[in-house]
Amino acid sequence: MRYTIPDDDVPAFVTYLALGVLEAIRAGTVSAEVGIWTLGRPIWWEPLEDAGLVPPDILEVLTTSDALQEIAPDRYEAVIKAHIARLHAALRTLPNATWLGEWNVVEE
């Protein structure tokens, strides 16, 4: 299956997804390694960067998420909190904080 999102809705979708992952990491629901394998993977954020669909402040959170596992324990909570705050701030500036998508069955 594929989920198709209009270009105008991509920034909000990506921001909400990133917020959910970071909140789950902060709550201890998932490990910091999740930051690498979801948000921080170049295969995830490079197409967004290349297409220019996501504002730079949101992209910076994605591109630095690969280092979450390497942060010193005494700074970990502060970095996660700062990422979450940046994403909340970004949501407030988006012209459209909602998204509409469509599931498509892909026959292979």
Protein backbone atom coordinates (compact mmCIF):
# COMPACT_ATOMS: atom_id res chain seq x y z
CA MET A 1 0.00 0.00 0.00
CA ARG A 2 0.98 3.58 -0.53
CA TYR A 3 -0.29 6.70 1.14
CA THR A 4 -0.47 9.68 -1.20
CA ILE A 5 -0.39 13.19 0.24
CA PRO A 6 -0.73 16.43 -1.73
CA ASP A 7 2.49 18.45 -1.73
CA ASP A 8 0.88 21.28 0.24
CA ASP A 9 0.03 18.88 3.06
CA VAL A 10 3.47 17.26 3.36
CA PRO A 11 4.92 19.74 5.90
CA ALA A 12 2.13 19.13 8.42
CA PHE A 13 2.17 15.36 7.89
CA VAL A 14 5.94 15.14 8.40
CA THR A 15 5.82 17.41 11.44
CA TYR A 16 3.09 15.41 13.17
CA LEU A 17 4.89 12.16 12.40
CA ALA A 18 8.15 13.51 13.81
CA LEU A 19 6.37 14.78 16.92
CA GLY A 20 4.81 11.39 17.52
CA VAL A 21 8.13 9.57 17.20
CA LEU A 22 9.94 12.03 19.47
CA GLU A 23 7.19 11.91 22.09
CA ALA A 24 7.31 8.10 22.04
CA ILE A 25 11.09 8.19 22.51
CA ARG A 26 10.78 10.70 25.35
CA ALA A 27 8.09 8.58 27.04
CA GLY A 28 10.28 5.50 26.78
CA THR A 29 7.78 3.69 24.57
CA VAL A 30 10.50 3.17 21.98
CA SER A 31 14.28 3.46 22.11
CA ALA A 32 16.38 6.35 20.81
CA GLU A 33 17.42 4.03 18.00
CA VAL A 34 13.98 4.63 16.54
CA GLY A 35 15.13 8.18 15.78
CA ILE A 36 17.75 6.76 13.46
CA TRP A 37 15.54 4.22 11.75
CA THR A 38 12.58 6.51 11.19
CA LEU A 39 13.27 10.22 11.27
CA GLY A 40 17.02 10.27 10.71
CA ARG A 41 17.38 7.99 7.71
CA PRO A 42 18.46 9.90 4.61
CA ILE A 43 16.07 7.80 2.51
CA TRP A 44 13.29 9.49 4.50
CA TRP A 45 14.38 13.13 4.58
CA GLU A 46 16.53 13.56 1.43
CA PRO A 47 13.57 13.38 -0.99
CA LEU A 48 11.77 15.96 1.15
CA GLU A 49 14.82 18.20 1.08
CA ASP A 50 15.35 17.74 -2.66
CA ALA A 51 11.71 18.55 -3.40
CA GLY A 52 11.74 21.61 -1.15
CA LEU A 53 8.47 20.51 0.44
CA VAL A 54 9.45 20.84 4.10
CA PRO A 55 10.68 24.04 5.78
CA PRO A 56 14.36 24.08 6.83
CA ASP A 57 13.61 24.09 10.58
CA ILE A 58 11.63 20.86 10.28
CA LEU A 59 14.27 19.32 8.03
CA GLU A 60 16.96 20.14 10.58
CA VAL A 61 15.12 18.15 13.23
CA LEU A 62 14.93 15.20 10.83
CA THR A 63 18.56 15.39 9.76
CA THR A 64 19.86 15.60 13.31
CA SER A 65 17.67 12.78 14.60
CA ASP A 66 20.24 10.22 13.51
CA ALA A 67 22.42 11.40 16.40
CA LEU A 68 19.82 10.85 19.13
CA GLN A 69 21.39 7.58 20.18
CA GLU A 70 24.79 9.22 20.61
CA ILE A 71 23.72 12.09 22.87
CA ALA A 72 25.15 12.04 26.37
CA PRO A 73 22.52 10.88 28.87
CA ASP A 74 22.63 14.17 30.77
CA ARG A 75 21.70 16.11 27.61
CA TYR A 76 19.29 13.63 26.07
CA GLU A 77 16.05 14.95 27.58
CA ALA A 78 17.00 18.55 26.73
CA VAL A 79 17.70 17.70 23.08
CA ILE A 80 14.45 15.76 22.66
CA LYS A 81 12.55 18.60 24.36
CA ALA A 82 14.20 21.16 22.05
CA HIS A 83 13.32 19.12 18.95
CA ILE A 84 9.71 18.85 20.10
CA ALA A 85 9.55 22.59 20.82
CA ARG A 86 10.94 23.37 17.36
CA LEU A 87 8.31 21.18 15.72
CA HIS A 88 5.50 22.80 17.73
CA ALA A 89 6.80 26.22 16.68
CA ALA A 90 6.97 25.08 13.05
CA LEU A 91 3.35 23.88 13.18
CA ARG A 92 2.23 27.31 14.33
CA THR A 93 3.82 28.89 11.24
CA LEU A 94 2.50 26.46 8.65
CA PRO A 95 -0.23 27.90 6.42
CA ASN A 96 -1.99 24.53 6.60
CA ALA A 97 -1.61 22.44 9.77
CA THR A 98 -3.77 19.61 8.43
CA TRP A 99 -3.28 16.97 5.81
CA LEU A 100 -5.42 14.88 3.60
CA GLY A 101 -4.14 11.65 2.15
CA GLU A 102 -5.35 8.69 0.23
CA TRP A 103 -4.50 5.00 0.59
CA ASN A 104 -3.71 3.25 -2.66
CA VAL A 105 -3.36 -0.48 -3.10
CA VAL A 106 -0.30 -1.24 -5.21
CA GLU A 107 -0.43 -4.50 -7.10
CA GLU A 108 3.00 -5.90 -7.73
